[in-house]
Amino acid sequence: MMVNKEKVDDILSRSADYTIQGFIYQFNKTLLEILNDEEDAIISIEGIIEDIEIATALTTRAIQCKYHEEQENFTLSNV
């Protein structure tokens, strides 16, 4: 079997880029939630349920962060 080394290197480097961009997005989203908090909520990063958890006296809001590279066509499955 013939393997295109350039193609493999390109795929591996992009996946690392996407992972790093995902961490940056999660950091920015967490910071935004902290700065916008008006209820003195407890905000957990990498919580028990999801990436970000915002707990108030009555509710817990769970946010899962995913970074997806730009898509040319929108489909419901991309959401």
N, C-alpha and C. Protein backbone atom coordinates (compact mmCIF):
# COMPACT_ATOMS: atom_id res chain seq x y z
N MET A 1 0.84 -1.17 0.00
CA MET A 1 0.00 0.00 0.00
C MET A 1 0.89 1.24 0.00
N MET A 2 0.53 2.21 -0.82
CA MET A 2 1.31 3.43 -0.94
C MET A 2 0.66 4.54 -0.10
N VAL A 3 1.44 5.21 0.71
CA VAL A 3 0.94 6.28 1.58
C VAL A 3 1.56 7.59 1.13
N ASN A 4 0.69 8.58 0.96
CA ASN A 4 1.15 9.91 0.60
C ASN A 4 1.55 10.63 1.88
N LYS A 5 2.86 10.71 2.15
CA LYS A 5 3.36 11.30 3.39
C LYS A 5 2.93 12.75 3.56
N GLU A 6 2.93 13.52 2.49
CA GLU A 6 2.52 14.93 2.59
C GLU A 6 1.06 15.04 3.02
N LYS A 7 0.21 14.18 2.48
CA LYS A 7 -1.21 14.20 2.84
C LYS A 7 -1.39 13.83 4.32
N VAL A 8 -0.67 12.81 4.78
CA VAL A 8 -0.75 12.40 6.18
C VAL A 8 -0.27 13.53 7.09
N ASP A 9 0.86 14.13 6.77
CA ASP A 9 1.38 15.24 7.56
C ASP A 9 0.40 16.40 7.61
N ASP A 10 -0.24 16.69 6.48
CA ASP A 10 -1.22 17.77 6.42
C ASP A 10 -2.41 17.49 7.33
N ILE A 11 -2.92 16.26 7.30
CA ILE A 11 -4.06 15.88 8.14
C ILE A 11 -3.69 15.96 9.61
N LEU A 12 -2.52 15.44 9.98
CA LEU A 12 -2.11 15.45 11.38
C LEU A 12 -1.89 16.87 11.89
N SER A 13 -1.30 17.73 11.08
CA SER A 13 -1.07 19.10 11.53
C SER A 13 -2.39 19.86 11.67
N ARG A 14 -3.35 19.59 10.81
CA ARG A 14 -4.65 20.26 10.91
C ARG A 14 -5.39 19.81 12.16
N SER A 15 -5.33 18.55 12.49
CA SER A 15 -6.07 18.08 13.67
C SER A 15 -5.51 18.73 14.93
N ALA A 16 -4.20 18.93 15.00
CA ALA A 16 -3.63 19.63 16.14
C ALA A 16 -4.09 21.08 16.15
N ASP A 17 -4.12 21.71 14.98
CA ASP A 17 -4.61 23.09 14.89
C ASP A 17 -6.04 23.18 15.37
N TYR A 18 -6.89 22.25 14.97
CA TYR A 18 -8.30 22.28 15.37
C TYR A 18 -8.43 22.08 16.88
N THR A 19 -7.60 21.20 17.44
CA THR A 19 -7.64 20.96 18.88
C THR A 19 -7.26 22.23 19.64
N ILE A 20 -6.21 22.88 19.20
CA ILE A 20 -5.77 24.12 19.84
C ILE A 20 -6.84 25.20 19.70
N GLN A 21 -7.42 25.33 18.51
CA GLN A 21 -8.48 26.31 18.31
C GLN A 21 -9.69 26.00 19.20
N GLY A 22 -9.98 24.72 19.41
CA GLY A 22 -11.07 24.32 20.29
C GLY A 22 -10.80 24.74 21.73
N PHE A 23 -9.58 24.56 22.20
CA PHE A 23 -9.23 24.98 23.55
C PHE A 23 -9.32 26.50 23.70
N ILE A 24 -8.88 27.23 22.68
CA ILE A 24 -8.96 28.69 22.72
C ILE A 24 -10.42 29.13 22.74
N TYR A 25 -11.26 28.48 21.93
CA TYR A 25 -12.69 28.81 21.92
C TYR A 25 -13.30 28.53 23.30
N GLN A 26 -12.98 27.39 23.90
CA GLN A 26 -13.52 27.05 25.21
C GLN A 26 -13.06 28.05 26.26
N PHE A 27 -11.80 28.45 26.21
CA PHE A 27 -11.28 29.45 27.15
C PHE A 27 -12.03 30.76 27.00
N ASN A 28 -12.20 31.22 25.75
CA ASN A 28 -12.89 32.49 25.50
C ASN A 28 -14.35 32.42 25.94
N LYS A 29 -15.03 31.31 25.67
CA LYS A 29 -16.43 31.14 26.07
C LYS A 29 -16.56 31.13 27.59
N THR A 30 -15.64 30.47 28.27
CA THR A 30 -15.66 30.44 29.73
C THR A 30 -15.44 31.84 30.29
N LEU A 31 -14.48 32.55 29.76
CA LEU A 31 -14.22 33.91 30.21
C LEU A 31 -15.43 34.80 29.99
N LEU A 32 -16.08 34.67 28.85
CA LEU A 32 -17.29 35.44 28.56
C LEU A 32 -18.39 35.13 29.58
N GLU A 33 -18.58 33.86 29.91
CA GLU A 33 -19.59 33.48 30.90
C GLU A 33 -19.27 34.07 32.27
N ILE A 34 -18.00 34.06 32.65
CA ILE A 34 -17.59 34.64 33.94
C ILE A 34 -17.86 36.14 33.97
N LEU A 35 -17.48 36.82 32.91
CA LEU A 35 -17.65 38.28 32.86
C LEU A 35 -19.12 38.70 32.80
N ASN A 36 -19.97 37.87 32.20
CA ASN A 36 -21.39 38.20 32.06
C ASN A 36 -22.23 37.69 33.22
N ASP A 37 -21.64 37.01 34.18
CA ASP A 37 -22.39 36.44 35.29
C ASP A 37 -22.97 37.54 36.16
N GLU A 38 -24.30 37.51 36.33
CA GLU A 38 -24.98 38.50 37.17
C GLU A 38 -25.60 37.88 38.41
N GLU A 39 -25.52 36.56 38.55
CA GLU A 39 -26.19 35.88 39.64
C GLU A 39 -25.23 35.26 40.65
N ASP A 40 -23.96 35.61 40.59
CA ASP A 40 -22.96 34.97 41.44
C ASP A 40 -23.02 33.46 41.34
N ALA A 41 -23.07 32.98 40.13
CA ALA A 41 -23.14 31.54 39.87
C ALA A 41 -21.79 30.90 40.12
N ILE A 42 -21.83 29.60 40.32
CA ILE A 42 -20.60 28.82 40.40
C ILE A 42 -20.32 28.30 38.99
N ILE A 43 -19.21 28.72 38.42
CA ILE A 43 -18.86 28.35 37.05
C ILE A 43 -17.71 27.36 37.09
N SER A 44 -17.96 26.17 36.57
CA SER A 44 -16.95 25.11 36.58
C SER A 44 -16.45 24.88 35.16
N ILE A 45 -15.14 24.76 35.03
CA ILE A 45 -14.52 24.44 33.75
C ILE A 45 -14.20 22.94 33.77
N GLU A 46 -14.53 22.25 32.67
CA GLU A 46 -14.37 20.80 32.61
C GLU A 46 -15.11 20.16 33.78
N GLY A 47 -16.39 20.50 33.87
CA GLY A 47 -17.22 20.02 34.97
C GLY A 47 -17.55 18.55 34.86
N ILE A 48 -18.45 18.11 35.73
CA ILE A 48 -18.85 16.71 35.78
C ILE A 48 -19.66 16.33 34.53
N ILE A 49 -20.51 17.25 34.09
CA ILE A 49 -21.41 16.95 32.97
C ILE A 49 -20.83 17.40 31.63
N GLU A 50 -20.41 18.65 31.54
CA GLU A 50 -19.96 19.21 30.26
C GLU A 50 -18.71 20.06 30.45
N ASP A 51 -18.30 20.71 29.36
CA ASP A 51 -17.08 21.52 29.36
C ASP A 51 -17.19 22.71 30.31
N ILE A 52 -18.35 23.36 30.32
CA ILE A 52 -18.59 24.50 31.20
C ILE A 52 -19.93 24.27 31.88
N GLU A 53 -19.96 24.44 33.19
CA GLU A 53 -21.21 24.30 33.94
C GLU A 53 -21.42 25.56 34.76
N ILE A 54 -22.63 26.10 34.68
CA ILE A 54 -22.98 27.32 35.40
C ILE A 54 -24.12 26.98 36.35
N ALA A 55 -23.81 26.94 37.63
CA ALA A 55 -24.79 26.53 38.64
C ALA A 55 -25.26 27.75 39.44
N THR A 56 -26.57 27.93 39.47
CA THR A 56 -27.19 28.94 40.33
C THR A 56 -27.99 28.21 41.41
N ALA A 57 -28.68 28.96 42.24
CA ALA A 57 -29.46 28.34 43.32
C ALA A 57 -30.54 27.41 42.77
N LEU A 58 -31.08 27.72 41.59
CA LEU A 58 -32.21 26.96 41.05
C LEU A 58 -31.88 26.09 39.84
N THR A 59 -30.83 26.41 39.11
CA THR A 59 -30.57 25.70 37.86
C THR A 59 -29.08 25.43 37.66
N THR A 60 -28.81 24.50 36.78
CA THR A 60 -27.45 24.28 36.28
C THR A 60 -27.53 24.28 34.77
N ARG A 61 -26.71 25.12 34.16
CA ARG A 61 -26.64 25.19 32.70
C ARG A 61 -25.33 24.55 32.28
N ALA A 62 -25.43 23.59 31.36
CA ALA A 62 -24.26 22.87 30.88
C ALA A 62 -23.98 23.27 29.43
N ILE A 63 -22.72 23.61 29.15
CA ILE A 63 -22.32 24.04 27.81
C ILE A 63 -21.22 23.12 27.32
N GLN A 64 -21.43 22.55 26.16
CA GLN A 64 -20.40 21.74 25.52
C GLN A 64 -19.77 22.58 24.41
N CYS A 65 -18.47 22.71 24.43
CA CYS A 65 -17.76 23.51 23.43
C CYS A 65 -17.16 22.61 22.36
N LYS A 66 -17.47 22.93 21.12
CA LYS A 66 -16.88 22.22 19.99
C LYS A 66 -16.48 23.26 18.96
N TYR A 67 -15.28 23.12 18.46
CA TYR A 67 -14.83 24.00 17.38
C TYR A 67 -14.93 23.23 16.08
N HIS A 68 -15.62 23.81 15.12
CA HIS A 68 -15.74 23.20 13.80
C HIS A 68 -15.22 24.19 12.77
N GLU A 69 -14.37 23.71 11.91
CA GLU A 69 -13.85 24.54 10.83
C GLU A 69 -15.01 24.98 9.96
N GLU A 70 -14.87 26.12 9.33
CA GLU A 70 -15.92 26.68 8.48
C GLU A 70 -16.43 25.66 7.46
N GLN A 71 -17.75 25.58 7.33
CA GLN A 71 -18.38 24.69 6.36
C GLN A 71 -18.86 25.51 5.17
N GLU A 72 -18.74 24.96 3.98
CA GLU A 72 -19.24 25.66 2.80
C GLU A 72 -20.75 25.62 2.72
N ASN A 73 -21.34 24.49 3.11
CA ASN A 73 -22.79 24.34 3.05
C ASN A 73 -23.31 24.01 4.44
N PHE A 74 -24.39 24.67 4.82
CA PHE A 74 -25.01 24.41 6.11
C PHE A 74 -25.94 23.21 5.99
N THR A 75 -25.80 22.28 6.91
CA THR A 75 -26.75 21.18 7.01
C THR A 75 -27.07 21.02 8.48
N LEU A 76 -28.27 20.50 8.76
CA LEU A 76 -28.71 20.34 10.13
C LEU A 76 -27.77 19.44 10.92
N SER A 77 -27.14 18.48 10.26
CA SER A 77 -26.22 17.59 10.96
C SER A 77 -24.95 18.29 11.42
N ASN A 78 -24.65 19.47 10.89
CA ASN A 78 -23.47 20.23 11.31
C ASN A 78 -23.69 20.95 12.63
N VAL A 79 -24.95 21.04 13.04
CA VAL A 79 -25.26 21.79 14.26
C VAL A 79 -24.88 21.01 15.47
